[in-house]
Amino acid sequence: MKLIIKQYLASLKERNELDAILPDLLSELGLNVFSRPGRGTRQDGVDVAAVGSLNGGEEKVYLFSIKAGDLTRNSWDGDALQSLRPSLNEILDSYIPNRLPDEHRTKYIVVCLCFGGDIQEQVRPQVEGYIKQNKKEGISFEEWNGDKLASLILSSFLREDLLPDNARSQLRKSLALIDEPESSYRHFAVLLKMLTSVETSRDKERLTLVRQITICLWILFSWTREAGNLEAAYLSSEISLLYAWNIAKPYQNQKTKVATEIQMAFQSVLTAYLQISSEFVNTRILPSVSKRHALSTAIHSSCSLDVNLKLFEVLGRLALEGVWAYWIMTRTEEEEQIHNALREKVVTITESIKQLIINNPALFLPIKDDQAIDISIAVLLLAVDGNNHDDIAQWLSEMVNRADFSYKIGGKYPCNLRTYSDLLDHPQRIEDEYRREVTGGSILFPIIALSAALLDEDNLYSEVQTIRENHLAHCNFQFWYPDESSEEHFYINSDAHGGTLSNVCIDRSMKEYLEQVFGECSHSPQFNSLSAVESGLWPLVIVACRHYRLPLPLHLWKGFYVTEQITKTG
């Protein structure tokens, strides 16, 4: 296990990875972290600073300068901006005399050389010579290499009483099976369930749980990145985020020290999730969206079902990345440069979604009705830019026309079947009885009708009415709404929850249709009391819906369409 952790540490980058793990580790060791990594501010060589006692010794100040991987000749004294020696000089010449808090000036200071790997032998004499030359009364140096960090992680986060051997076994299996992402994910999900299966009311234990989730997720991410297969990490990051929120949600409005630490620990999980999602989208999706059939071909399957299932999965992930960018953008309005960069990212992703659809025609007809979930996420994101409204209408209109044609000829029309074997044989028969059996309910066509009504697209709305009249008169058009039990079960999928609005009035006018479905939102206030919504973290609801295959609550649609829209010119 220690070797696994050491390999993980050696693969971490300095920014947003190793420096994101270290503060949690120090806090778990009992130190008080008073300075964390900053961006755009002068740090004078110190990435992380903490104070406290280790192993029962005297209270000391620990100043960490962090570098990624092995300490080589170049990373020791090469690049003047990034190498370690200039950072140590800044600590001695600037940070300690000028920036060390007054309450810590009388304490013994330990300057820590921190890196995920080892010191290469050819540079060790220079490092030891520097330490001997600069060691003085009240100031010493320590080497915190990958081996020491791995031992501390093993003894703090993953010790036997906190992470039993069967849970460690699940982590090892997840790592061993990263080339089989679904299997790797299943073992990681079991690991999370084992970690959270024991009810605890102690705040410190809950804090440790969230930090354990962070460490385990980072370990998996580093291994999948090394193997060039991020699929297992992506799936595991979603469920990790949801489980971590389920632990952290009671502390969101509290101001105690442990509540603040739990909130920061959750932010570490969120940061890991966003980084995994961003890397997946940037390296696996965006380079291919502009090329005809590129992503369809990259699925490496001659089976049209495989292509269809995977492309809608990709669509949902790409759109969800855009939703998170939009969410962060709305929270950074006072930081103009960051705000504009995120605005540009949202526009880039919406354009990429349109290119993805045009260049991969399988996205014009879903095979499963619940692929409406991925379609919904894409439509929600596209709709925040008024320039995309015609594109949405054209896409959905083509989808309805192709579905209509498939119903007529007995082709692969959208159905309620779930298992791969059943979908592979679909349609098994062309008789009306079979069609009624596999199309008993639908969220797809009600969502298309809702989009048509919101966009004031009479033709598209009429097309849905026609397909209902000609082929789906028996079908229960429905929407899903959270109920009073949703908060308990939503984030960890521990039980069925929510309610449905059945047999929505698609045969009425668009105005009456909107009044019915959004009127039900007013009668279902439980959405607004979901902890993620109350805390302003509403994209978490979409993550849960995508991951657990739940329809998106209509409250999200209502919110998106009353939000100020992004425009390319605005």
Protein backbone atom coordinates (compact mmCIF):
# COMPACT_ATOMS: atom_id res chain seq x y z
CA MET A 1 0.00 0.00 0.00
CA LYS A 2 2.85 2.39 0.80
CA LEU A 3 4.37 1.76 -2.63
CA ILE A 4 1.02 2.58 -4.27
CA ILE A 5 0.82 5.87 -2.35
CA LYS A 6 4.45 6.77 -3.10
CA GLN A 7 3.92 6.19 -6.83
CA TYR A 8 0.83 8.39 -6.62
CA LEU A 9 2.73 11.19 -4.88
CA ALA A 10 5.56 11.08 -7.41
CA SER A 11 3.08 11.62 -10.25
CA LEU A 12 1.42 14.70 -8.73
CA LYS A 13 1.98 18.15 -10.18
CA GLU A 14 3.02 20.96 -7.85
CA ARG A 15 0.05 23.24 -8.40
CA ASN A 16 -3.49 22.17 -7.48
CA GLU A 17 -2.34 18.62 -6.73
CA LEU A 18 0.51 18.13 -4.25
CA ASP A 19 -0.10 21.52 -2.65
CA ALA A 20 -3.82 20.65 -2.39
CA ILE A 21 -3.13 17.41 -0.49
CA LEU A 22 -0.52 18.69 1.97
CA PRO A 23 -2.72 21.08 4.04
CA ASP A 24 -5.23 18.29 4.75
CA LEU A 25 -2.41 15.94 5.72
CA LEU A 26 -0.91 18.48 8.12
CA SER A 27 -4.31 19.17 9.68
CA GLU A 28 -4.88 15.44 10.14
CA LEU A 29 -1.49 15.24 11.91
CA GLY A 30 -2.70 17.84 14.41
CA LEU A 31 -1.00 20.94 13.01
CA ASN A 32 -2.79 24.24 12.51
CA VAL A 33 -2.39 25.38 8.90
CA PHE A 34 -2.22 29.19 8.85
CA SER A 35 -1.13 29.75 5.26
CA ARG A 36 -2.34 27.86 2.18
CA PRO A 37 -1.31 28.01 -1.48
CA GLY A 38 -2.34 31.24 -3.16
CA ARG A 39 -2.65 32.36 -6.77
CA GLY A 40 -1.60 35.78 -7.97
CA THR A 41 -0.14 36.77 -4.59
CA ARG A 42 3.49 36.88 -3.52
CA GLN A 43 4.34 33.90 -1.31
CA ASP A 44 8.05 34.51 -0.66
CA GLY A 45 8.89 30.85 -1.11
CA VAL A 46 6.28 29.43 1.29
CA ASP A 47 3.56 27.28 -0.27
CA VAL A 48 2.09 26.01 3.00
CA ALA A 49 2.74 27.10 6.59
CA ALA A 50 1.62 25.35 9.77
CA VAL A 51 2.25 25.41 13.47
CA GLY A 52 1.96 22.71 16.11
CA SER A 53 3.57 19.68 17.65
CA LEU A 54 4.46 16.42 15.91
CA ASN A 55 4.98 13.18 17.83
CA GLY A 56 4.63 14.90 21.20
CA GLY A 57 7.54 17.29 20.63
CA GLU A 58 7.71 21.03 21.18
CA GLU A 59 5.49 23.36 19.21
CA LYS A 60 7.22 24.48 16.01
CA VAL A 61 6.51 26.45 12.86
CA TYR A 62 6.71 24.40 9.66
CA LEU A 63 7.30 26.26 6.40
CA PHE A 64 6.89 24.15 3.25
CA SER A 65 8.27 24.85 -0.19
CA ILE A 66 6.74 22.30 -2.59
CA LYS A 67 8.08 20.86 -5.84
CA ALA A 68 6.66 18.08 -8.00
CA GLY A 69 8.27 14.69 -8.62
CA ASP A 70 11.95 13.99 -7.97
CA LEU A 71 14.31 16.78 -6.93
CA THR A 72 16.71 17.04 -9.87
CA ARG A 73 19.59 19.40 -10.58
CA ASN A 74 17.25 21.61 -12.60
CA SER A 75 14.42 21.67 -10.05
CA TRP A 76 16.97 22.38 -7.30
CA ASP A 77 18.82 25.32 -8.85
CA GLY A 78 17.86 25.61 -12.51
CA ASP A 79 14.89 27.75 -13.46
CA ALA A 80 15.15 30.79 -11.23
CA LEU A 81 11.36 31.05 -10.87
CA GLN A 82 10.48 27.40 -10.30
CA SER A 83 13.51 25.77 -8.67
CA LEU A 84 13.70 25.02 -4.97
CA ARG A 85 16.87 26.82 -3.89
CA PRO A 86 15.64 30.33 -4.80
CA SER A 87 12.41 29.58 -2.93
CA LEU A 88 14.37 28.59 0.19
CA ASN A 89 16.39 31.80 -0.11
CA GLU A 90 13.16 33.80 -0.23
CA ILE A 91 11.95 32.04 2.93
CA LEU A 92 15.16 32.92 4.80
CA ASP A 93 15.58 36.44 3.39
CA SER A 94 11.98 37.63 3.19
CA TYR A 95 9.27 35.42 4.68
CA ILE A 96 10.78 34.76 8.11
CA PRO A 97 11.94 38.38 8.77
CA ASN A 98 8.92 40.14 7.27
CA ARG A 99 5.85 37.90 6.93
CA LEU A 100 5.93 35.36 9.75
CA PRO A 101 3.00 36.20 12.08
CA ASP A 102 4.09 37.90 15.30
CA GLU A 103 2.61 35.20 17.52
CA HIS A 104 4.96 32.63 15.97
CA ARG A 105 8.23 34.60 15.95
CA THR A 106 9.54 33.07 19.19
CA LYS A 107 8.88 29.50 18.05
CA TYR A 108 11.43 27.16 16.52
CA ILE A 109 11.21 27.18 12.70
CA VAL A 110 11.51 24.14 10.46
CA VAL A 111 11.93 24.82 6.74
CA CYS A 112 10.60 21.76 4.90
CA LEU A 113 11.81 20.74 1.45
CA CYS A 114 8.71 18.97 0.15
CA PHE A 115 8.48 16.94 -3.05
CA GLY A 116 6.54 13.89 -4.19
CA GLY A 117 9.55 11.81 -5.27
CA ASP A 118 13.16 11.53 -4.03
CA ILE A 119 16.35 13.58 -4.15
CA GLN A 120 18.45 12.39 -7.04
CA GLU A 121 21.91 11.35 -5.88
CA GLN A 122 23.82 13.81 -8.08
CA VAL A 123 22.08 16.76 -6.41
CA ARG A 124 22.08 15.50 -2.80
CA PRO A 125 25.56 16.92 -1.94
CA GLN A 126 24.42 20.39 -3.04
CA VAL A 127 21.23 20.14 -0.96
CA GLU A 128 23.09 18.95 2.15
CA GLY A 129 25.72 21.65 1.69
CA TYR A 130 23.02 24.31 1.47
CA ILE A 131 21.35 23.03 4.64
CA LYS A 132 24.64 23.01 6.61
CA GLN A 133 25.44 26.52 5.45
CA ASN A 134 22.04 28.01 6.34
CA LYS A 135 21.12 26.06 9.47
CA LYS A 136 21.25 28.36 12.48
CA GLU A 137 19.88 28.72 15.96
CA GLY A 138 16.10 28.56 15.85
CA ILE A 139 15.99 27.45 12.21
CA SER A 140 16.49 23.94 10.82
CA PHE A 141 15.65 22.06 7.63
CA GLU A 142 13.76 18.81 7.01
CA GLU A 143 13.31 16.68 3.92
CA TRP A 144 9.69 15.71 3.32
CA ASN A 145 10.07 13.37 0.36
CA GLY A 146 7.61 10.94 -1.20
CA ASP A 147 8.58 8.17 1.20
CA LYS A 148 7.90 10.30 4.28
CA LEU A 149 4.65 11.68 2.86
CA ALA A 150 3.49 8.15 1.97
CA SER A 151 4.21 6.96 5.53
CA LEU A 152 2.30 9.90 7.00
CA ILE A 153 -0.69 9.36 4.69
CA LEU A 154 -0.70 5.68 5.56
CA SER A 155 -0.54 6.37 9.30
CA SER A 156 -3.07 9.23 9.34
CA PHE A 157 -5.71 8.79 6.61
CA LEU A 158 -5.38 5.11 5.85
CA ARG A 159 -4.40 3.45 9.11
CA GLU A 160 -6.03 0.14 9.97
CA ASP A 161 -8.62 1.51 12.38
CA LEU A 162 -9.79 4.10 9.81
CA LEU A 163 -9.42 2.12 6.58
CA PRO A 164 -9.88 -1.62 7.29
CA ASP A 165 -8.02 -4.15 5.20
CA ASN A 166 -11.12 -5.04 3.14
CA ALA A 167 -11.49 -1.37 2.19
CA ARG A 168 -7.81 -1.17 1.24
CA SER A 169 -8.40 -4.26 -0.85
CA GLN A 170 -11.15 -2.45 -2.76
CA LEU A 171 -8.78 0.44 -3.48
CA ARG A 172 -6.09 -1.93 -4.72
CA LYS A 173 -8.61 -3.73 -6.94
CA SER A 174 -9.85 -0.42 -8.32
CA LEU A 175 -6.27 0.53 -9.23
CA ALA A 176 -5.54 -2.88 -10.73
CA LEU A 177 -8.58 -2.70 -13.02
CA ILE A 178 -8.25 0.81 -14.44
CA ASP A 179 -8.11 -0.71 -17.94
CA GLU A 180 -11.61 -2.04 -17.22
CA PRO A 181 -13.20 1.24 -16.08
CA GLU A 182 -16.61 -0.11 -15.10
CA SER A 183 -15.04 -2.75 -12.85
CA SER A 184 -12.59 -0.24 -11.39
CA TYR A 185 -15.45 2.15 -10.66
CA ARG A 186 -17.52 -0.57 -8.97
CA HIS A 187 -14.69 -1.38 -6.56
CA PHE A 188 -14.18 2.32 -5.82
CA ALA A 189 -17.90 2.73 -5.16
CA VAL A 190 -17.77 -0.21 -2.74
CA LEU A 191 -14.82 1.49 -1.03
CA LEU A 192 -16.87 4.67 -0.53
CA LYS A 193 -19.80 2.69 0.85
CA MET A 194 -17.47 0.93 3.29
CA LEU A 195 -15.99 4.23 4.45
CA THR A 196 -19.40 5.81 5.04
CA SER A 197 -21.32 2.74 6.23
CA VAL A 198 -20.61 3.35 9.92
CA GLU A 199 -22.76 6.16 11.31
CA THR A 200 -20.75 8.67 13.33
CA SER A 201 -21.80 11.88 15.03
CA ARG A 202 -18.23 12.95 15.82
CA ASP A 203 -17.16 15.91 13.71
CA LYS A 204 -13.49 14.89 13.65
CA GLU A 205 -14.35 11.46 12.26
CA ARG A 206 -16.49 13.03 9.53
CA LEU A 207 -13.62 15.36 8.66
CA THR A 208 -11.29 12.38 8.33
CA LEU A 209 -13.83 10.62 6.10
CA VAL A 210 -13.93 13.50 3.62
CA ARG A 211 -10.14 13.67 3.59
CA GLN A 212 -9.92 9.92 3.00
CA ILE A 213 -12.23 10.29 0.00
CA THR A 214 -9.93 13.03 -1.34
CA ILE A 215 -6.79 10.93 -0.93
CA CYS A 216 -8.30 7.80 -2.47
CA LEU A 217 -9.66 9.79 -5.43
CA TRP A 218 -6.31 11.49 -6.05
CA ILE A 219 -4.55 8.12 -5.95
CA LEU A 220 -6.96 6.70 -8.53
CA PHE A 221 -6.67 9.81 -10.71
CA SER A 222 -2.88 9.71 -10.74
CA TRP A 223 -2.86 6.04 -11.75
CA THR A 224 -5.46 6.47 -14.50
CA ARG A 225 -3.62 9.51 -15.86
CA GLU A 226 -0.41 7.53 -15.92
CA ALA A 227 -2.19 4.73 -17.79
CA GLY A 228 -3.80 7.16 -20.24
CA ASN A 229 -7.32 6.01 -19.36
CA LEU A 230 -9.34 8.55 -17.35
CA GLU A 231 -12.69 6.76 -17.55
CA ALA A 232 -12.53 5.10 -14.11
CA ALA A 233 -11.33 8.34 -12.52
CA TYR A 234 -14.19 10.32 -14.09
CA LEU A 235 -16.90 7.95 -12.88
CA SER A 236 -15.31 7.69 -9.43
CA SER A 237 -14.91 11.46 -9.12
CA GLU A 238 -18.65 11.96 -9.58
CA ILE A 239 -19.64 9.53 -6.87
CA SER A 240 -16.83 10.79 -4.60
CA LEU A 241 -18.15 14.34 -4.90
CA LEU A 242 -21.69 13.21 -4.05
CA TYR A 243 -20.62 11.10 -1.05
CA ALA A 244 -18.37 13.88 0.24
CA TRP A 245 -21.23 16.37 0.00
CA ASN A 246 -23.52 14.02 1.90
CA ILE A 247 -21.01 14.14 4.77
CA ALA A 248 -20.18 17.85 4.55
CA LYS A 249 -23.66 19.33 3.97
CA PRO A 250 -24.64 19.81 7.66
CA TYR A 251 -21.60 22.06 8.18
CA GLN A 252 -22.11 24.54 5.33
CA ASN A 253 -23.53 27.36 7.46
CA GLN A 254 -21.48 26.71 10.58
CA LYS A 255 -18.50 28.83 11.64
CA THR A 256 -16.71 26.48 14.04
CA LYS A 257 -13.13 25.41 13.38
CA VAL A 258 -14.02 21.82 12.52
CA ALA A 259 -16.92 22.96 10.28
CA THR A 260 -14.52 25.23 8.38
CA GLU A 261 -12.08 22.34 8.00
CA ILE A 262 -14.84 20.06 6.68
CA GLN A 263 -15.92 22.73 4.20
CA MET A 264 -12.32 23.06 3.00
CA ALA A 265 -11.97 19.28 2.79
CA PHE A 266 -15.07 19.15 0.59
CA GLN A 267 -13.58 21.88 -1.58
CA SER A 268 -10.58 19.60 -2.07
CA VAL A 269 -12.88 16.86 -3.40
CA LEU A 270 -14.66 19.38 -5.63
CA THR A 271 -11.29 20.62 -6.93
CA ALA A 272 -10.23 17.06 -7.75
CA TYR A 273 -13.54 16.38 -9.51
CA LEU A 274 -13.31 19.57 -11.58
CA GLN A 275 -9.73 18.83 -12.54
CA ILE A 276 -10.56 15.27 -13.62
CA SER A 277 -13.59 16.48 -15.59
CA SER A 278 -11.59 19.25 -17.24
CA GLU A 279 -8.73 16.92 -18.19
CA PHE A 280 -11.18 14.36 -19.59
CA VAL A 281 -12.99 16.95 -21.69
CA ASN A 282 -9.86 18.76 -22.86
CA THR A 283 -7.88 15.67 -23.82
CA ARG A 284 -10.56 13.16 -24.86
CA ILE A 285 -13.43 15.19 -26.33
CA LEU A 286 -12.59 18.69 -27.52
CA PRO A 287 -9.75 17.74 -29.92
CA SER A 288 -12.17 15.57 -31.94
CA VAL A 289 -15.51 17.41 -31.94
CA SER A 290 -14.79 19.35 -35.14
CA LYS A 291 -13.91 16.26 -37.17
CA ARG A 292 -16.61 14.29 -38.98
CA HIS A 293 -17.31 10.96 -37.24
CA ALA A 294 -14.06 11.28 -35.23
CA LEU A 295 -15.56 10.52 -31.83
CA SER A 296 -17.86 7.87 -33.28
CA THR A 297 -14.80 6.14 -34.74
CA ALA A 298 -12.81 6.58 -31.52
CA ILE A 299 -15.33 4.35 -29.71
CA HIS A 300 -13.75 1.43 -31.63
CA SER A 301 -16.93 -0.56 -32.12
CA SER A 302 -18.70 -1.74 -35.23
CA CYS A 303 -21.95 -1.93 -33.26
CA SER A 304 -24.23 1.08 -33.70
CA LEU A 305 -25.61 0.57 -30.18
CA ASP A 306 -22.18 1.05 -28.61
CA VAL A 307 -21.66 4.24 -30.60
CA ASN A 308 -25.08 5.60 -29.64
CA LEU A 309 -24.72 4.87 -25.92
CA LYS A 310 -21.23 6.31 -25.67
CA LEU A 311 -21.91 9.45 -27.70
CA PHE A 312 -24.82 10.49 -25.50
CA GLU A 313 -22.62 9.78 -22.46
CA VAL A 314 -19.96 12.08 -23.95
CA LEU A 315 -22.61 14.71 -24.70
CA GLY A 316 -23.72 14.74 -21.07
CA ARG A 317 -20.19 15.02 -19.75
CA LEU A 318 -19.26 17.84 -22.11
CA ALA A 319 -22.42 19.77 -21.24
CA LEU A 320 -21.88 19.24 -17.52
CA GLU A 321 -18.36 20.66 -17.82
CA GLY A 322 -19.96 23.73 -19.38
CA VAL A 323 -22.53 23.97 -16.58
CA TRP A 324 -19.75 24.03 -13.97
CA ALA A 325 -17.89 26.71 -15.94
CA TYR A 326 -21.12 28.75 -16.08
CA TRP A 327 -21.63 28.30 -12.33
CA ILE A 328 -18.09 29.42 -11.50
CA MET A 329 -18.45 32.35 -13.92
CA THR A 330 -21.52 33.64 -12.08
CA ARG A 331 -19.53 33.59 -8.83
CA THR A 332 -16.52 35.57 -10.16
CA GLU A 333 -18.18 38.69 -11.52
CA GLU A 334 -15.91 40.95 -9.48
CA GLU A 335 -12.77 39.34 -10.95
CA GLU A 336 -13.02 40.56 -14.53
CA GLN A 337 -10.15 38.58 -16.04
CA ILE A 338 -11.28 35.26 -14.58
CA HIS A 339 -14.92 36.04 -15.33
CA ASN A 340 -14.19 36.75 -19.00
CA ALA A 341 -12.03 33.62 -19.33
CA LEU A 342 -14.85 31.50 -17.95
CA ARG A 343 -17.38 33.22 -20.20
CA GLU A 344 -15.16 32.31 -23.15
CA LYS A 345 -14.95 28.73 -21.88
CA VAL A 346 -18.75 28.47 -21.74
CA VAL A 347 -19.00 29.76 -25.31
CA THR A 348 -16.29 27.32 -26.43
CA ILE A 349 -18.10 24.37 -24.89
CA THR A 350 -21.48 25.35 -26.35
CA GLU A 351 -19.89 25.63 -29.78
CA SER A 352 -18.22 22.26 -29.22
CA ILE A 353 -21.58 20.68 -28.34
CA LYS A 354 -23.03 21.91 -31.62
CA GLN A 355 -20.03 20.58 -33.55
CA LEU A 356 -20.27 17.27 -31.69
CA ILE A 357 -23.90 16.85 -32.75
CA ILE A 358 -23.36 17.86 -36.38
CA ASN A 359 -20.32 15.64 -36.84
CA ASN A 360 -21.78 12.59 -35.09
CA PRO A 361 -25.28 11.96 -36.51
CA ALA A 362 -26.01 9.21 -33.97
CA LEU A 363 -26.83 12.11 -31.61
CA PHE A 364 -29.95 12.87 -33.69
CA LEU A 365 -31.74 9.79 -32.32
CA PRO A 366 -31.35 8.30 -28.83
CA ILE A 367 -31.91 4.59 -28.41
CA LYS A 368 -32.85 4.87 -24.71
CA ASP A 369 -35.51 7.17 -23.40
CA ASP A 370 -33.37 8.08 -20.37
CA GLN A 371 -30.76 9.58 -22.70
CA ALA A 372 -33.11 12.53 -22.32
CA ILE A 373 -31.03 13.26 -19.19
CA ASP A 374 -27.92 13.98 -21.27
CA ILE A 375 -29.99 15.86 -23.84
CA SER A 376 -31.48 17.97 -21.04
CA ILE A 377 -28.07 18.99 -19.71
CA ALA A 378 -26.97 19.99 -23.21
CA VAL A 379 -30.15 21.98 -23.89
CA LEU A 380 -29.90 23.74 -20.53
CA LEU A 381 -26.37 24.88 -21.30
CA LEU A 382 -27.06 25.83 -24.90
CA ALA A 383 -30.13 27.82 -23.84
CA VAL A 384 -28.18 30.33 -21.75
CA ASP A 385 -26.94 31.83 -25.01
CA GLY A 386 -29.77 33.23 -27.13
CA ASN A 387 -27.67 32.66 -30.26
CA ASN A 388 -28.12 28.91 -29.78
CA HIS A 389 -31.92 28.79 -29.72
CA ASP A 390 -32.31 28.03 -33.43
CA ASP A 391 -29.68 25.30 -33.15
CA ILE A 392 -31.57 23.69 -30.25
CA ALA A 393 -34.82 23.74 -32.22
CA GLN A 394 -33.20 22.25 -35.34
CA TRP A 395 -31.50 19.49 -33.35
CA LEU A 396 -34.65 18.49 -31.47
CA SER A 397 -36.81 18.74 -34.60
CA GLU A 398 -34.49 16.37 -36.44
CA MET A 399 -34.62 14.05 -33.43
CA VAL A 400 -38.43 13.95 -33.50
CA ASN A 401 -38.50 13.39 -37.27
CA ARG A 402 -36.05 10.50 -37.06
CA ALA A 403 -37.97 8.96 -34.17
CA ASP A 404 -41.19 9.26 -36.19
CA PHE A 405 -39.56 7.53 -39.15
CA SER A 406 -38.19 4.76 -36.91
CA TYR A 407 -41.62 4.13 -35.42
CA LYS A 408 -43.08 3.86 -38.90
CA ILE A 409 -40.53 1.34 -40.23
CA GLY A 410 -39.88 -0.55 -36.99
CA GLY A 411 -36.34 0.84 -36.64
CA LYS A 412 -34.33 1.51 -33.48
CA TYR A 413 -36.72 4.00 -31.90
CA PRO A 414 -36.29 5.31 -28.32
CA CYS A 415 -37.40 2.76 -25.74
CA ASN A 416 -37.49 2.01 -22.01
CA LEU A 417 -35.23 -1.04 -22.19
CA ARG A 418 -32.22 -0.91 -19.88
CA THR A 419 -30.04 -4.00 -20.25
CA TYR A 420 -27.45 -4.11 -22.99
CA SER A 421 -28.66 -7.47 -24.31
CA ASP A 422 -32.25 -6.22 -24.63
CA LEU A 423 -31.10 -3.05 -26.36
CA LEU A 424 -28.94 -5.08 -28.73
CA ASP A 425 -32.01 -7.02 -29.90
CA HIS A 426 -34.27 -3.96 -30.07
CA PRO A 427 -36.68 -3.96 -31.80
CA GLN A 428 -37.33 -7.66 -31.32
CA ARG A 429 -40.69 -7.48 -33.11
CA ILE A 430 -42.54 -4.96 -35.23
CA GLU A 431 -45.96 -5.62 -33.71
CA ASP A 432 -47.79 -2.80 -31.94
CA GLU A 433 -47.95 -4.89 -28.79
CA TYR A 434 -44.14 -4.96 -28.50
CA ARG A 435 -43.89 -1.23 -29.19
CA ARG A 436 -46.42 -0.47 -26.47
CA GLU A 437 -44.50 -2.73 -24.09
CA VAL A 438 -41.13 -0.96 -24.55
CA THR A 439 -42.50 2.59 -24.74
CA GLY A 440 -44.78 2.59 -21.71
CA GLY A 441 -43.42 5.86 -20.38
CA SER A 442 -41.30 8.75 -21.64
CA ILE A 443 -39.34 11.69 -20.32
CA LEU A 444 -37.71 12.34 -23.70
CA PHE A 445 -40.67 13.73 -25.63
CA PRO A 446 -42.02 15.81 -22.72
CA ILE A 447 -38.56 17.43 -22.47
CA ILE A 448 -38.54 18.16 -26.20
CA ALA A 449 -42.03 19.65 -25.91
CA LEU A 450 -40.92 21.73 -22.94
CA SER A 451 -37.94 23.06 -24.91
CA ALA A 452 -40.23 23.89 -27.82
CA ALA A 453 -42.63 25.76 -25.57
CA LEU A 454 -39.87 27.71 -23.84
CA LEU A 455 -38.31 28.64 -27.18
CA ASP A 456 -41.75 29.47 -28.62
CA GLU A 457 -41.23 26.92 -31.41
CA ASP A 458 -44.77 26.09 -32.60
CA ASN A 459 -43.63 23.68 -35.31
CA LEU A 460 -41.48 21.60 -32.99
CA TYR A 461 -44.25 21.46 -30.40
CA SER A 462 -46.71 20.31 -33.08
CA GLU A 463 -44.28 17.60 -34.19
CA VAL A 464 -44.22 16.17 -30.66
CA GLN A 465 -48.01 16.28 -30.53
CA THR A 466 -48.14 14.39 -33.84
CA ILE A 467 -45.75 11.66 -32.72
CA ARG A 468 -47.79 11.27 -29.54
CA GLU A 469 -51.02 10.97 -31.53
CA ASN A 470 -49.69 8.59 -34.20
CA HIS A 471 -47.37 6.31 -32.23
CA LEU A 472 -47.42 6.96 -28.48
CA ALA A 473 -51.07 7.44 -27.48
CA HIS A 474 -50.53 4.71 -24.86
CA CYS A 475 -47.34 6.27 -23.49
CA ASN A 476 -47.21 8.03 -20.10
CA PHE A 477 -45.48 11.37 -20.73
CA GLN A 478 -44.08 12.38 -17.35
CA PHE A 479 -41.74 14.59 -15.34
CA TRP A 480 -39.86 13.93 -12.10
CA TYR A 481 -39.86 16.16 -9.04
CA PRO A 482 -37.93 15.82 -5.74
CA ASP A 483 -39.99 15.12 -2.63
CA GLU A 484 -39.43 15.31 1.13
CA SER A 485 -37.26 12.15 1.11
CA SER A 486 -34.95 13.33 -1.69
CA GLU A 487 -32.49 15.18 0.55
CA GLU A 488 -31.78 11.97 2.47
CA HIS A 489 -31.24 9.76 -0.57
CA PHE A 490 -30.31 12.05 -3.48
CA TYR A 491 -26.53 12.20 -3.08
CA ILE A 492 -25.81 8.56 -2.25
CA ASN A 493 -28.73 6.90 -4.07
CA SER A 494 -29.62 4.95 -0.93
CA ASP A 495 -33.29 4.52 -1.82
CA ALA A 496 -35.95 5.52 -4.34
CA HIS A 497 -37.25 9.06 -3.85
CA GLY A 498 -39.16 11.81 -5.61
CA GLY A 499 -42.50 11.84 -7.38
CA THR A 500 -43.78 12.06 -10.94
CA LEU A 501 -46.25 14.22 -12.78
CA SER A 502 -47.91 11.70 -15.08
CA ASN A 503 -49.76 12.12 -18.36
CA VAL A 504 -48.73 15.73 -18.89
CA CYS A 505 -51.02 17.69 -21.17
CA ILE A 506 -49.09 17.64 -24.42
CA ASP A 507 -52.37 17.90 -26.34
CA ARG A 508 -52.98 21.42 -25.00
CA SER A 509 -51.42 24.73 -26.02
CA MET A 510 -47.83 25.56 -25.20
CA LYS A 511 -48.94 28.15 -22.65
CA GLU A 512 -51.16 25.63 -20.82
CA TYR A 513 -48.38 23.06 -20.97
CA LEU A 514 -45.89 25.42 -19.31
CA GLU A 515 -48.43 26.44 -16.71
CA GLN A 516 -49.01 22.80 -15.79
CA VAL A 517 -45.38 21.66 -15.52
CA PHE A 518 -44.03 24.80 -13.86
CA GLY A 519 -47.13 25.08 -11.70
CA GLU A 520 -46.17 21.70 -10.26
CA CYS A 521 -42.81 23.23 -9.32
CA SER A 522 -44.67 25.62 -7.05
CA HIS A 523 -46.40 22.65 -5.43
CA SER A 524 -43.06 20.82 -5.03
CA PRO A 525 -40.94 23.20 -2.92
CA GLN A 526 -38.66 20.37 -1.79
CA PHE A 527 -36.24 21.22 -4.60
CA ASN A 528 -35.44 24.56 -3.02
CA SER A 529 -34.77 22.87 0.32
CA LEU A 530 -32.19 20.49 -1.12
CA SER A 531 -28.91 21.26 0.67
CA ALA A 532 -27.01 21.67 -2.62
CA VAL A 533 -29.56 24.26 -3.81
CA GLU A 534 -29.68 26.10 -0.48
CA SER A 535 -25.88 26.30 -0.51
CA GLY A 536 -25.81 27.65 -4.07
CA LEU A 537 -24.15 24.46 -5.34
CA TRP A 538 -26.98 23.60 -7.73
CA PRO A 539 -24.73 21.91 -10.38
CA LEU A 540 -24.34 19.13 -7.81
CA VAL A 541 -28.00 18.27 -8.45
CA ILE A 542 -27.19 17.77 -12.14
CA VAL A 543 -24.17 15.59 -11.23
CA ALA A 544 -26.44 13.39 -9.09
CA CYS A 545 -29.07 13.17 -11.84
CA ARG A 546 -26.50 12.28 -14.50
CA HIS A 547 -24.68 9.77 -12.33
CA TYR A 548 -27.75 8.00 -10.92
CA ARG A 549 -29.82 8.45 -14.11
CA LEU A 550 -32.58 10.63 -12.69
CA PRO A 551 -34.48 13.16 -14.81
CA LEU A 552 -33.45 16.75 -14.17
CA PRO A 553 -35.92 18.61 -11.93
CA LEU A 554 -37.90 21.19 -13.89
CA HIS A 555 -36.94 23.83 -11.33
CA LEU A 556 -33.55 23.93 -13.07
CA TRP A 557 -35.19 24.67 -16.41
CA LYS A 558 -37.24 27.43 -14.90
CA GLY A 559 -34.14 28.92 -13.32
CA PHE A 560 -32.06 28.82 -16.49
CA TYR A 561 -34.64 30.60 -18.60
CA VAL A 562 -35.04 33.51 -16.20
CA THR A 563 -31.28 33.94 -15.85
CA GLU A 564 -29.60 36.67 -17.85
CA GLN A 565 -28.39 35.01 -21.01
CA ILE A 566 -24.85 34.91 -22.25
CA THR A 567 -24.33 36.27 -25.73
CA LYS A 568 -21.22 36.32 -27.81
CA THR A 569 -21.51 40.07 -28.19
CA GLY A 570 -22.36 40.68 -24.54
